[in-house]
PDB file of N, CA and C in Angstrom:
ATOM      1  N   MET A   1       0.757  -1.141  -0.094  1.00  0.00           N
ATOM      2  CA  MET A   1       0.093   0.091   0.088  1.00  0.00           C
ATOM      3  C   MET A   1       0.879   1.253  -0.017  1.00  0.00           C
ATOM      4  N   ILE A   2       0.641   2.138  -0.966  1.00  0.00           N
ATOM      5  CA  ILE A   2       1.406   3.411  -0.917  1.00  0.00           C
ATOM      6  C   ILE A   2       0.692   4.476  -0.169  1.00  0.00           C
ATOM      7  N   ILE A   3       1.406   5.002   0.851  1.00  0.00           N
ATOM      8  CA  ILE A   3       0.854   6.200   1.493  1.00  0.00           C
ATOM      9  C   ILE A   3       1.424   7.379   1.249  1.00  0.00           C
ATOM     10  N   PHE A   4       0.458   8.407   0.820  1.00  0.00           N
ATOM     11  CA  PHE A   4       0.834   9.798   0.776  1.00  0.00           C
ATOM     12  C   PHE A   4       0.364  10.622   2.079  1.00  0.00           C
ATOM     13  N   GLU A   5       1.249  11.398   2.205  1.00  0.00           N
ATOM     14  CA  GLU A   5       0.939  12.495   3.330  1.00  0.00           C
ATOM     15  C   GLU A   5       0.040  13.830   2.720  1.00  0.00           C
ATOM     16  N   PRO A   6      -0.995  14.171   3.453  1.00  0.00           N
ATOM     17  CA  PRO A   6      -1.484  15.487   2.850  1.00  0.00           C
ATOM     18  C   PRO A   6      -0.707  16.664   3.106  1.00  0.00           C
ATOM     19  N   SER A   7      -0.018  16.952   2.219  1.00  0.00           N
ATOM     20  CA  SER A   7       0.967  18.203   2.261  1.00  0.00           C
ATOM     21  C   SER A   7       0.975  18.992   1.023  1.00  0.00           C
ATOM     22  N   SER A   8       1.588  20.123   0.878  1.00  0.00           N
ATOM     23  CA  SER A   8       1.566  20.843  -0.142  1.00  0.00           C
ATOM     24  C   SER A   8       3.025  20.616  -0.722  1.00  0.00           C
ATOM     25  N   ARG A   9       3.862  19.723  -0.373  1.00  0.00           N
ATOM     26  CA  ARG A   9       4.898  19.379  -1.012  1.00  0.00           C
ATOM     27  C   ARG A   9       4.670  18.593  -2.402  1.00  0.00           C
ATOM     28  N   GLY A  10       5.495  19.223  -3.488  1.00  0.00           N
ATOM     29  CA  GLY A  10       5.118  18.656  -4.992  1.00  0.00           C
ATOM     30  C   GLY A  10       5.108  19.934  -5.875  1.00  0.00           C
ATOM     31  N   SER A  11       4.685  19.577  -6.909  1.00  0.00           N
ATOM     32  CA  SER A  11       4.353  20.578  -7.730  1.00  0.00           C
ATOM     33  C   SER A  11       3.021  21.110  -7.674  1.00  0.00           C
ATOM     34  N   VAL A  12       3.072  22.442  -7.585  1.00  0.00           N
ATOM     35  CA  VAL A  12       1.732  23.194  -7.137  1.00  0.00           C
ATOM     36  C   VAL A  12       1.141  23.900  -8.307  1.00  0.00           C
ATOM     37  N   LEU A  13      -0.256  23.888  -8.413  1.00  0.00           N
ATOM     38  CA  LEU A  13      -0.912  24.883  -9.303  1.00  0.00           C
ATOM     39  C   LEU A  13      -1.919  25.521  -8.507  1.00  0.00           C
ATOM     40  N   LYS A  14      -1.684  26.790  -8.265  1.00  0.00           N
ATOM     41  CA  LYS A  14      -2.550  27.715  -7.376  1.00  0.00           C
ATOM     42  C   LYS A  14      -3.732  28.387  -8.252  1.00  0.00           C
ATOM     43  N   ASP A  15      -4.833  28.487  -7.563  1.00  0.00           N
ATOM     44  CA  ASP A  15      -6.055  29.097  -8.136  1.00  0.00           C
ATOM     45  C   ASP A  15      -6.530  28.670  -9.363  1.00  0.00           C
ATOM     46  N   PHE A  16      -6.503  27.225  -9.328  1.00  0.00           N
ATOM     47  CA  PHE A  16      -7.021  26.580 -10.676  1.00  0.00           C
ATOM     48  C   PHE A  16      -8.553  26.621 -10.524  1.00  0.00           C
ATOM     49  N   ASP A  17      -9.305  26.956 -11.514  1.00  0.00           N
ATOM     50  CA  ASP A  17     -10.934  26.835 -11.516  1.00  0.00           C
ATOM     51  C   ASP A  17     -11.250  26.308 -12.746  1.00  0.00           C
ATOM     52  N   LYS A  18     -11.793  25.043 -12.963  1.00  0.00           N
ATOM     53  CA  LYS A  18     -12.310  24.580 -14.283  1.00  0.00           C
ATOM     54  C   LYS A  18     -13.368  25.420 -15.021  1.00  0.00           C
ATOM     55  N   ARG A  19     -13.968  26.275 -14.244  1.00  0.00           N
ATOM     56  CA  ARG A  19     -15.101  27.357 -14.702  1.00  0.00           C
ATOM     57  C   ARG A  19     -14.363  28.162 -15.573  1.00  0.00           C
ATOM     58  N   ASP A  20     -13.117  28.527 -15.346  1.00  0.00           N
ATOM     59  CA  ASP A  20     -12.386  29.527 -16.215  1.00  0.00           C
ATOM     60  C   ASP A  20     -12.355  29.022 -17.622  1.00  0.00           C
ATOM     61  N   TYR A  21     -12.420  27.822 -18.004  1.00  0.00           N
ATOM     62  CA  TYR A  21     -12.372  27.154 -19.495  1.00  0.00           C
ATOM     63  C   TYR A  21     -13.570  26.521 -19.751  1.00  0.00           C
ATOM     64  N   LYS A  22     -14.660  27.389 -20.269  1.00  0.00           N
ATOM     65  CA  LYS A  22     -16.167  26.912 -20.435  1.00  0.00           C
ATOM     66  C   LYS A  22     -16.158  25.858 -21.404  1.00  0.00           C
ATOM     67  N   TYR A  23     -15.503  25.877 -22.330  1.00  0.00           N
ATOM     68  CA  TYR A  23     -15.754  24.921 -23.393  1.00  0.00           C
ATOM     69  C   TYR A  23     -14.816  23.647 -23.643  1.00  0.00           C
ATOM     70  N   ILE A  24     -14.372  23.325 -22.510  1.00  0.00           N
ATOM     71  CA  ILE A  24     -13.518  22.067 -22.483  1.00  0.00           C
ATOM     72  C   ILE A  24     -14.341  20.786 -21.983  1.00  0.00           C
ATOM     73  N   ASP A  25     -14.046  19.612 -22.542  1.00  0.00           N
ATOM     74  CA  ASP A  25     -14.576  18.357 -22.363  1.00  0.00           C
ATOM     75  C   ASP A  25     -13.826  17.304 -21.663  1.00  0.00           C
ATOM     76  N   SER A  26     -12.626  17.730 -21.488  1.00  0.00           N
ATOM     77  CA  SER A  26     -11.561  16.831 -21.057  1.00  0.00           C
ATOM     78  C   SER A  26     -10.246  17.468 -20.179  1.00  0.00           C
ATOM     79  N   VAL A  27      -9.845  16.840 -19.159  1.00  0.00           N
ATOM     80  CA  VAL A  27      -8.784  17.363 -18.473  1.00  0.00           C
ATOM     81  C   VAL A  27      -7.955  16.280 -17.939  1.00  0.00           C
ATOM     82  N   THR A  28      -6.862  16.000 -18.361  1.00  0.00           N
ATOM     83  CA  THR A  28      -5.869  15.010 -17.891  1.00  0.00           C
ATOM     84  C   THR A  28      -4.627  15.503 -17.036  1.00  0.00           C
ATOM     85  N   LEU A  29      -4.028  14.701 -16.283  1.00  0.00           N
ATOM     86  CA  LEU A  29      -2.845  14.956 -15.624  1.00  0.00           C
ATOM     87  C   LEU A  29      -1.696  14.339 -16.464  1.00  0.00           C
ATOM     88  N   ASN A  30      -0.690  14.952 -16.835  1.00  0.00           N
ATOM     89  CA  ASN A  30       0.404  14.300 -17.610  1.00  0.00           C
ATOM     90  C   ASN A  30       1.768  14.672 -17.061  1.00  0.00           C
ATOM     91  N   LEU A  31       2.734  13.657 -17.046  1.00  0.00           N
ATOM     92  CA  LEU A  31       4.098  13.984 -16.684  1.00  0.00           C
ATOM     93  C   LEU A  31       4.843  12.785 -16.986  1.00  0.00           C
ATOM     94  N   GLY A  32       6.338  13.138 -17.130  1.00  0.00           N
ATOM     95  CA  GLY A  32       7.173  12.259 -17.302  1.00  0.00           C
ATOM     96  C   GLY A  32       7.637  11.583 -15.872  1.00  0.00           C
ATOM     97  N   ILE A  33       7.837  10.122 -15.777  1.00  0.00           N
ATOM     98  CA  ILE A  33       8.074   9.583 -14.467  1.00  0.00           C
ATOM     99  C   ILE A  33       9.328   8.674 -14.762  1.00  0.00           C
ATOM    100  N   MET A  34      10.233   8.838 -13.784  1.00  0.00           N
ATOM    101  CA  MET A  34      11.620   8.117 -13.669  1.00  0.00           C
ATOM    102  C   MET A  34      11.481   7.558 -12.227  1.00  0.00           C
ATOM    103  N   THR A  35      11.856   6.229 -12.259  1.00  0.00           N
ATOM    104  CA  THR A  35      12.078   5.581 -11.066  1.00  0.00           C
ATOM    105  C   THR A  35      13.690   5.230 -11.066  1.00  0.00           C
ATOM    106  N   GLN A  36      14.178   4.958  -9.738  1.00  0.00           N
ATOM    107  CA  GLN A  36      15.320   4.673  -9.550  1.00  0.00           C
ATOM    108  C   GLN A  36      16.049   3.375  -9.727  1.00  0.00           C
ATOM    109  N   SER A  37      15.077   2.250  -9.874  1.00  0.00           N
ATOM    110  CA  SER A  37      15.419   1.009 -10.440  1.00  0.00           C
ATOM    111  C   SER A  37      14.316   0.502 -11.285  1.00  0.00           C
ATOM    112  N   LEU A  38      14.757  -0.444 -11.943  1.00  0.00           N
ATOM    113  CA  LEU A  38      13.758  -1.085 -12.857  1.00  0.00           C
ATOM    114  C   LEU A  38      12.528  -1.939 -12.167  1.00  0.00           C
ATOM    115  N   ALA A  39      12.880  -2.244 -11.021  1.00  0.00           N
ATOM    116  CA  ALA A  39      12.079  -3.106 -10.211  1.00  0.00           C
ATOM    117  C   ALA A  39      10.768  -2.190  -9.374  1.00  0.00           C
ATOM    118  N   ASP A  40      11.032  -0.794  -9.539  1.00  0.00           N
ATOM    119  CA  ASP A  40      10.315  -0.091  -8.753  1.00  0.00           C
ATOM    120  C   ASP A  40       9.215   0.538  -9.469  1.00  0.00           C
ATOM    121  N   THR A  41       8.129   0.873  -8.767  1.00  0.00           N
ATOM    122  CA  THR A  41       7.008   1.394  -9.344  1.00  0.00           C
ATOM    123  C   THR A  41       6.709   2.843  -8.780  1.00  0.00           C
ATOM    124  N   ALA A  42       6.307   3.712  -9.773  1.00  0.00           N
ATOM    125  CA  ALA A  42       5.936   5.222  -9.225  1.00  0.00           C
ATOM    126  C   ALA A  42       4.498   5.328  -9.074  1.00  0.00           C
ATOM    127  N   TYR A  43       3.894   6.033  -8.081  1.00  0.00           N
ATOM    128  CA  TYR A  43       2.514   6.267  -7.893  1.00  0.00           C
ATOM    129  C   TYR A  43       2.338   7.792  -7.865  1.00  0.00           C
ATOM    130  N   ILE A  44       1.482   8.234  -8.581  1.00  0.00           N
ATOM    131  CA  ILE A  44       1.289   9.757  -8.808  1.00  0.00           C
ATOM    132  C   ILE A  44      -0.182   9.846  -8.451  1.00  0.00           C
ATOM    133  N   ARG A  45      -0.258  11.175  -7.833  1.00  0.00           N
ATOM    134  CA  ARG A  45      -1.921  11.548  -7.439  1.00  0.00           C
ATOM    135  C   ARG A  45      -1.797  12.978  -7.545  1.00  0.00           C
ATOM    136  N   LEU A  46      -2.860  13.544  -7.788  1.00  0.00           N
ATOM    137  CA  LEU A  46      -3.319  14.773  -7.877  1.00  0.00           C
ATOM    138  C   LEU A  46      -4.200  15.126  -6.608  1.00  0.00           C
ATOM    139  N   TYR A  47      -3.688  16.131  -5.965  1.00  0.00           N
ATOM    140  CA  TYR A  47      -4.273  16.297  -4.573  1.00  0.00           C
ATOM    141  C   TYR A  47      -4.771  17.905  -4.476  1.00  0.00           C
ATOM    142  N   ASN A  48      -6.025  17.851  -4.129  1.00  0.00           N
ATOM    143  CA  ASN A  48      -6.619  19.245  -3.864  1.00  0.00           C
ATOM    144  C   ASN A  48      -6.254  19.637  -2.487  1.00  0.00           C
ATOM    145  N   PHE A  49      -5.272  20.471  -2.535  1.00  0.00           N
ATOM    146  CA  PHE A  49      -4.920  20.942  -1.158  1.00  0.00           C
ATOM    147  C   PHE A  49      -5.805  21.896  -0.378  1.00  0.00           C
ATOM    148  N   THR A  50      -6.647  22.543  -1.294  1.00  0.00           N
ATOM    149  CA  THR A  50      -7.681  23.370  -0.623  1.00  0.00           C
ATOM    150  C   THR A  50      -8.566  22.860   0.134  1.00  0.00           C
ATOM    151  N   ASP A  51      -9.059  21.489  -0.343  1.00  0.00           N
ATOM    152  CA  ASP A  51     -10.131  20.801   0.395  1.00  0.00           C
ATOM    153  C   ASP A  51      -9.575  19.739   1.028  1.00  0.00           C
ATOM    154  N   GLY A  52      -8.190  19.280   1.136  1.00  0.00           N
ATOM    155  CA  GLY A  52      -7.656  18.221   1.751  1.00  0.00           C
ATOM    156  C   GLY A  52      -8.110  16.831   1.283  1.00  0.00           C
ATOM    157  N   VAL A  53      -8.382  16.631  -0.191  1.00  0.00           N
ATOM    158  CA  VAL A  53      -8.808  15.354  -0.785  1.00  0.00           C
ATOM    159  C   VAL A  53      -8.120  15.272  -2.063  1.00  0.00           C
ATOM    160  N   GLU A  54      -7.866  13.814  -2.282  1.00  0.00           N
ATOM    161  CA  GLU A  54      -7.365  13.407  -3.534  1.00  0.00           C
ATOM    162  C   GLU A  54      -8.322  13.700  -4.567  1.00  0.00           C
ATOM    163  N   ILE A  55      -7.957  13.767  -5.833  1.00  0.00           N
ATOM    164  CA  ILE A  55      -8.883  14.025  -7.094  1.00  0.00           C
ATOM    165  C   ILE A  55      -8.921  12.745  -7.586  1.00  0.00           C
ATOM    166  N   ALA A  56     -10.236  12.200  -7.615  1.00  0.00           N
ATOM    167  CA  ALA A  56     -10.582  10.929  -8.014  1.00  0.00           C
ATOM    168  C   ALA A  56     -10.147  10.911  -9.652  1.00  0.00           C
ATOM    169  N   ASN A  57      -9.817   9.546  -9.956  1.00  0.00           N
ATOM    170  CA  ASN A  57      -9.424   9.348 -11.357  1.00  0.00           C
ATOM    171  C   ASN A  57      -8.068   9.992 -12.041  1.00  0.00           C
ATOM    172  N   ALA A  58      -7.568  10.546 -10.965  1.00  0.00           N
ATOM    173  CA  ALA A  58      -6.188  11.261 -11.529  1.00  0.00           C
ATOM    174  C   ALA A  58      -4.939  10.270 -11.082  1.00  0.00           C
ATOM    175  N   GLN A  59      -5.221   9.313 -10.488  1.00  0.00           N
ATOM    176  CA  GLN A  59      -4.074   8.428 -10.082  1.00  0.00           C
ATOM    177  C   GLN A  59      -3.322   7.817 -11.275  1.00  0.00           C
ATOM    178  N   ILE A  60      -1.798   7.905 -11.204  1.00  0.00           N
ATOM    179  CA  ILE A  60      -1.058   7.265 -12.408  1.00  0.00           C
ATOM    180  C   ILE A  60      -0.288   6.273 -11.622  1.00  0.00           C
ATOM    181  N   LYS A  61      -0.132   5.276 -12.169  1.00  0.00           N
ATOM    182  CA  LYS A  61       1.038   4.140 -11.736  1.00  0.00           C
ATOM    183  C   LYS A  61       1.845   3.713 -13.026  1.00  0.00           C
ATOM    184  N   GLY A  62       3.142   3.867 -12.820  1.00  0.00           N
ATOM    185  CA  GLY A  62       4.149   3.584 -13.932  1.00  0.00           C
ATOM    186  C   GLY A  62       5.333   3.359 -13.465  1.00  0.00           C
ATOM    187  N   TYR A  63       6.212   2.834 -14.394  1.00  0.00           N
ATOM    188  CA  TYR A  63       7.580   2.323 -14.233  1.00  0.00           C
ATOM    189  C   TYR A  63       8.274   2.686 -15.548  1.00  0.00           C
ATOM    190  N   THR A  64       9.672   2.691 -15.232  1.00  0.00           N
ATOM    191  CA  THR A  64      10.463   3.012 -16.436  1.00  0.00           C
ATOM    192  C   THR A  64      11.179   1.759 -16.850  1.00  0.00           C
ATOM    193  N   LYS A  65      11.605   1.536 -18.077  1.00  0.00           N
ATOM    194  CA  LYS A  65      12.330   0.338 -18.542  1.00  0.00           C
ATOM    195  C   LYS A  65      13.721   0.559 -18.509  1.00  0.00           C
ATOM    196  N   ASP A  66      14.224   1.889 -18.290  1.00  0.00           N
ATOM    197  CA  ASP A  66      15.514   2.242 -18.165  1.00  0.00           C
ATOM    198  C   ASP A  66      15.488   3.289 -17.052  1.00  0.00           C
ATOM    199  N   ALA A  67      16.356   2.906 -15.781  1.00  0.00           N
ATOM    200  CA  ALA A  67      16.181   3.693 -14.611  1.00  0.00           C
ATOM    201  C   ALA A  67      16.732   5.162 -14.783  1.00  0.00           C
ATOM    202  N   LEU A  68      17.377   5.361 -15.975  1.00  0.00           N
ATOM    203  CA  LEU A  68      17.888   6.844 -16.222  1.00  0.00           C
ATOM    204  C   LEU A  68      17.113   7.520 -17.557  1.00  0.00           C
ATOM    205  N   GLN A  69      15.790   7.199 -17.700  1.00  0.00           N
ATOM    206  CA  GLN A  69      15.064   7.679 -18.686  1.00  0.00           C
ATOM    207  C   GLN A  69      13.505   8.055 -18.215  1.00  0.00           C
ATOM    208  N   TYR A  70      13.036   9.063 -18.534  1.00  0.00           N
ATOM    209  CA  TYR A  70      11.726   9.631 -18.139  1.00  0.00           C
ATOM    210  C   TYR A  70      10.698   8.736 -19.161  1.00  0.00           C
ATOM    211  N   VAL A  71       9.632   8.424 -18.930  1.00  0.00           N
ATOM    212  CA  VAL A  71       8.474   8.062 -19.604  1.00  0.00           C
ATOM    213  C   VAL A  71       7.250   8.598 -19.316  1.00  0.00           C
ATOM    214  N   GLU A  72       6.747   9.240 -20.342  1.00  0.00           N
ATOM    215  CA  GLU A  72       5.314  10.036 -20.255  1.00  0.00           C
ATOM    216  C   GLU A  72       4.111   9.275 -19.916  1.00  0.00           C
ATOM    217  N   PHE A  73       3.426   9.565 -18.898  1.00  0.00           N
ATOM    218  CA  PHE A  73       2.067   8.909 -18.536  1.00  0.00           C
ATOM    219  C   PHE A  73       1.163   9.989 -18.399  1.00  0.00           C
ATOM    220  N   ASN A  74      -0.194   9.532 -18.519  1.00  0.00           N
ATOM    221  CA  ASN A  74      -1.265  10.525 -18.426  1.00  0.00           C
ATOM    222  C   ASN A  74      -2.496   9.854 -17.464  1.00  0.00           C
ATOM    223  N   SER A  75      -3.245  10.581 -17.030  1.00  0.00           N
ATOM    224  CA  SER A  75      -4.533  10.050 -16.153  1.00  0.00           C
ATOM    225  C   SER A  75      -5.524   9.813 -16.942  1.00  0.00           C
ATOM    226  N   ASN A  76      -6.582   9.514 -16.418  1.00  0.00           N
ATOM    227  CA  ASN A  76      -7.961   9.453 -17.015  1.00  0.00           C
ATOM    228  C   ASN A  76      -8.513  10.837 -17.145  1.00  0.00           C
ATOM    229  N   ASN A  77      -9.660  11.009 -17.895  1.00  0.00           N
ATOM    230  CA  ASN A  77     -10.252  12.354 -17.712  1.00  0.00           C
ATOM    231  C   ASN A  77     -10.833  12.739 -16.469  1.00  0.00           C
ATOM    232  N   ILE A  78     -10.305  13.958 -15.827  1.00  0.00           N
ATOM    233  CA  ILE A  78     -10.653  14.238 -14.435  1.00  0.00           C
ATOM    234  C   ILE A  78     -11.582  15.470 -14.398  1.00  0.00           C
ATOM    235  N   LEU A  79     -12.090  15.738 -15.403  1.00  0.00           N
ATOM    236  CA  LEU A  79     -12.957  16.998 -15.624  1.00  0.00           C
ATOM    237  C   LEU A  79     -14.222  17.025 -14.604  1.00  0.00           C
ATOM    238  N   ASN A  80     -14.851  15.898 -14.475  1.00  0.00           N
ATOM    239  CA  ASN A  80     -15.884  16.008 -13.676  1.00  0.00           C
ATOM    240  C   ASN A  80     -15.533  15.507 -12.160  1.00  0.00           C
ATOM    241  N   SER A  81     -14.401  15.268 -12.001  1.00  0.00           N
ATOM    242  CA  SER A  81     -13.789  14.965 -10.445  1.00  0.00           C
ATOM    243  C   SER A  81     -13.322  16.329  -9.942  1.00  0.00           C
ATOM    244  N   LEU A  82     -12.841  17.193 -10.733  1.00  0.00           N
ATOM    245  CA  LEU A  82     -12.641  18.543 -10.125  1.00  0.00           C
ATOM    246  C   LEU A  82     -13.829  19.462  -9.571  1.00  0.00           C
ATOM    247  N   PRO A  83     -13.742  20.014  -8.497  1.00  0.00           N
ATOM    248  CA  PRO A  83     -14.702  20.720  -8.006  1.00  0.00           C
ATOM    249  C   PRO A  83     -15.120  22.017  -8.771  1.00  0.00           C
ATOM    250  N   ASP A  84     -16.307  22.631  -8.682  1.00  0.00           N
ATOM    251  CA  ASP A  84     -16.659  23.811  -9.299  1.00  0.00           C
ATOM    252  C   ASP A  84     -16.383  25.212  -8.455  1.00  0.00           C
ATOM    253  N   LYS A  85     -14.897  25.204  -8.259  1.00  0.00           N
ATOM    254  CA  LYS A  85     -14.472  26.463  -7.528  1.00  0.00           C
ATOM    255  C   LYS A  85     -12.977  26.481  -7.673  1.00  0.00           C
ATOM    256  N   ARG A  86     -12.480  27.728  -7.186  1.00  0.00           N
ATOM    257  CA  ARG A  86     -11.047  27.861  -7.267  1.00  0.00           C
ATOM    258  C   ARG A  86     -10.245  27.063  -6.226  1.00  0.00           C
ATOM    259  N   ILE A  87      -9.305  26.249  -6.742  1.00  0.00           N
ATOM    260  CA  ILE A  87      -8.634  25.531  -5.829  1.00  0.00           C
ATOM    261  C   ILE A  87      -7.062  25.377  -6.033  1.00  0.00           C
ATOM    262  N   THR A  88      -6.412  24.879  -5.082  1.00  0.00           N
ATOM    263  CA  THR A  88      -4.818  24.667  -5.102  1.00  0.00           C
ATOM    264  C   THR A  88      -4.661  23.141  -5.220  1.00  0.00           C
ATOM    265  N   LEU A  89      -4.001  22.771  -6.459  1.00  0.00           N
ATOM    266  CA  LEU A  89      -3.591  21.476  -6.822  1.00  0.00           C
ATOM    267  C   LEU A  89      -2.153  21.210  -6.583  1.00  0.00           C
ATOM    268  N   VAL A  90      -1.880  20.061  -5.916  1.00  0.00           N
ATOM    269  CA  VAL A  90      -0.701  19.508  -5.717  1.00  0.00           C
ATOM    270  C   VAL A  90      -0.441  18.337  -6.503  1.00  0.00           C
ATOM    271  N   VAL A  91       0.702  18.153  -7.120  1.00  0.00           N
ATOM    272  CA  VAL A  91       1.169  16.690  -7.865  1.00  0.00           C
ATOM    273  C   VAL A  91       1.997  16.003  -6.844  1.00  0.00           C
ATOM    274  N   GLN A  92       1.640  14.828  -6.379  1.00  0.00           N
ATOM    275  CA  GLN A  92       2.556  13.955  -5.383  1.00  0.00           C
ATOM    276  C   GLN A  92       2.978  12.541  -5.920  1.00  0.00           C
ATOM    277  N   ILE A  93       4.077  12.482  -5.435  1.00  0.00           N
ATOM    278  CA  ILE A  93       4.793  11.158  -6.113  1.00  0.00           C
ATOM    279  C   ILE A  93       5.351  10.405  -5.109  1.00  0.00           C
ATOM    280  N   ASN A  94       5.002   9.205  -5.072  1.00  0.00           N
ATOM    281  CA  ASN A  94       5.575   8.140  -4.210  1.00  0.00           C
ATOM    282  C   ASN A  94       6.175   7.076  -4.877  1.00  0.00           C
ATOM    283  N   SER A  95       6.854   5.816  -4.285  1.00  0.00           N
ATOM    284  CA  SER A  95       7.323   4.775  -5.159  1.00  0.00           C
ATOM    285  C   SER A  95       6.956   3.500  -4.232  1.00  0.00           C
ATOM    286  N   SER A  96       6.945   2.427  -4.783  1.00  0.00           N
ATOM    287  CA  SER A  96       6.642   1.151  -4.277  1.00  0.00           C
ATOM    288  C   SER A  96       7.755   0.613  -3.243  1.00  0.00           C
ATOM    289  N   SER A  97       8.994   1.182  -3.557  1.00  0.00           N
ATOM    290  CA  SER A  97      10.182   0.886  -2.464  1.00  0.00           C
ATOM    291  C   SER A  97      10.365   1.811  -1.522  1.00  0.00           C
ATOM    292  N   GLY A  98       9.951   3.076  -1.698  1.00  0.00           N
ATOM    293  CA  GLY A  98      10.128   3.912  -0.794  1.00  0.00           C
ATOM    294  C   GLY A  98      11.497   4.849  -1.282  1.00  0.00           C
ATOM    295  N   LYS A  99      11.899   4.437  -2.253  1.00  0.00           N
ATOM    296  CA  LYS A  99      13.096   5.301  -2.812  1.00  0.00           C
ATOM    297  C   LYS A  99      12.536   6.221  -3.711  1.00  0.00           C
ATOM    298  N   ILE A 100      13.281   7.163  -4.150  1.00  0.00           N
ATOM    299  CA  ILE A 100      12.953   8.282  -4.860  1.00  0.00           C
ATOM    300  C   ILE A 100      12.431   7.832  -6.243  1.00  0.00           C
ATOM    301  N   ALA A 101      11.222   8.757  -6.624  1.00  0.00           N
ATOM    302  CA  ALA A 101      10.621   8.573  -8.028  1.00  0.00           C
ATOM    303  C   ALA A 101      10.580  10.011  -8.473  1.00  0.00           C
ATOM    304  N   ASN A 102      10.864  10.322  -9.738  1.00  0.00           N
ATOM    305  CA  ASN A 102      10.977  11.617 -10.126  1.00  0.00           C
ATOM    306  C   ASN A 102       9.887  11.845 -11.072  1.00  0.00           C
ATOM    307  N   GLY A 103       9.187  12.983 -11.143  1.00  0.00           N
ATOM    308  CA  GLY A 103       8.359  13.328 -11.974  1.00  0.00           C
ATOM    309  C   GLY A 103       8.754  14.647 -12.674  1.00  0.00           C
ATOM    310  N   LEU A 104       8.711  14.591 -13.942  1.00  0.00           N
ATOM    311  CA  LEU A 104       9.073  15.668 -14.979  1.00  0.00           C
ATOM    312  C   LEU A 104       8.014  16.423 -15.548  1.00  0.00           C
ATOM    313  N   ALA A 105       8.024  17.731 -15.292  1.00  0.00           N
ATOM    314  CA  ALA A 105       6.999  18.594 -16.019  1.00  0.00           C
ATOM    315  C   ALA A 105       5.750  18.139 -15.967  1.00  0.00           C
ATOM    316  N   PRO A 106       5.176  18.081 -14.824  1.00  0.00           N
ATOM    317  CA  PRO A 106       3.812  17.820 -14.622  1.00  0.00           C
ATOM    318  C   PRO A 106       2.877  19.090 -15.212  1.00  0.00           C
ATOM    319  N   TYR A 107       1.773  18.589 -15.895  1.00  0.00           N
ATOM    320  CA  TYR A 107       0.834  19.557 -16.721  1.00  0.00           C
ATOM    321  C   TYR A 107      -0.404  18.986 -16.618  1.00  0.00           C
ATOM    322  N   LEU A 108      -1.560  19.913 -16.577  1.00  0.00           N
ATOM    323  CA  LEU A 108      -3.116  19.519 -16.815  1.00  0.00           C
ATOM    324  C   LEU A 108      -3.165  19.802 -18.437  1.00  0.00           C
ATOM    325  N   LYS A 109      -3.668  18.747 -19.081  1.00  0.00           N
ATOM    326  CA  LYS A 109      -4.042  19.082 -20.510  1.00  0.00           C
ATOM    327  C   LYS A 109      -5.482  19.210 -20.438  1.00  0.00           C
ATOM    328  N   LEU A 110      -5.938  20.411 -21.066  1.00  0.00           N
ATOM    329  CA  LEU A 110      -7.388  20.747 -21.105  1.00  0.00           C
ATOM    330  C   LEU A 110      -7.611  20.604 -22.609  1.00  0.00           C
ATOM    331  N   ARG A 111      -8.823  20.000 -22.978  1.00  0.00           N
ATOM    332  CA  ARG A 111      -9.126  19.714 -24.539  1.00  0.00           C
ATOM    333  C   ARG A 111     -10.716  19.931 -24.808  1.00  0.00           C
ATOM    334  N   ARG A 112     -10.824  20.117 -25.873  1.00  0.00           N
ATOM    335  CA  ARG A 112     -12.087  20.250 -26.338  1.00  0.00           C
ATOM    336  C   ARG A 112     -12.306  19.654 -27.744  1.00  0.00           C
ATOM    337  N   ASN A 113     -13.251  18.739 -27.779  1.00  0.00           N
ATOM    338  CA  ASN A 113     -13.552  18.037 -29.071  1.00  0.00           C
ATOM    339  C   ASN A 113     -14.555  18.543 -29.919  1.00  0.00           C
TER     340      ASN A 113
END
């Protein structure tokens, strides 16, 4: 079981409000992941620091085939999981071994079909 602490440590996006983007129909969390060993797995979550809750459907589980190379991963569509208000979001990373797992350039991709 991977344990995350409710903190603001991680990549922070302040004052995000999905209502500022009226015509979108999809939001995903995207980032590059690198683990320290090939046997390790990284776990990423998007945390709503304002309300102290994890954003549903934003969990990412990934590993790298080369311990020195980033691999890009993305979450499911989290548009309906985001609250209708201004919040602070934090990307948090942990690993199955407790060793360091790195996330590179996390971002939210907002799309309109």
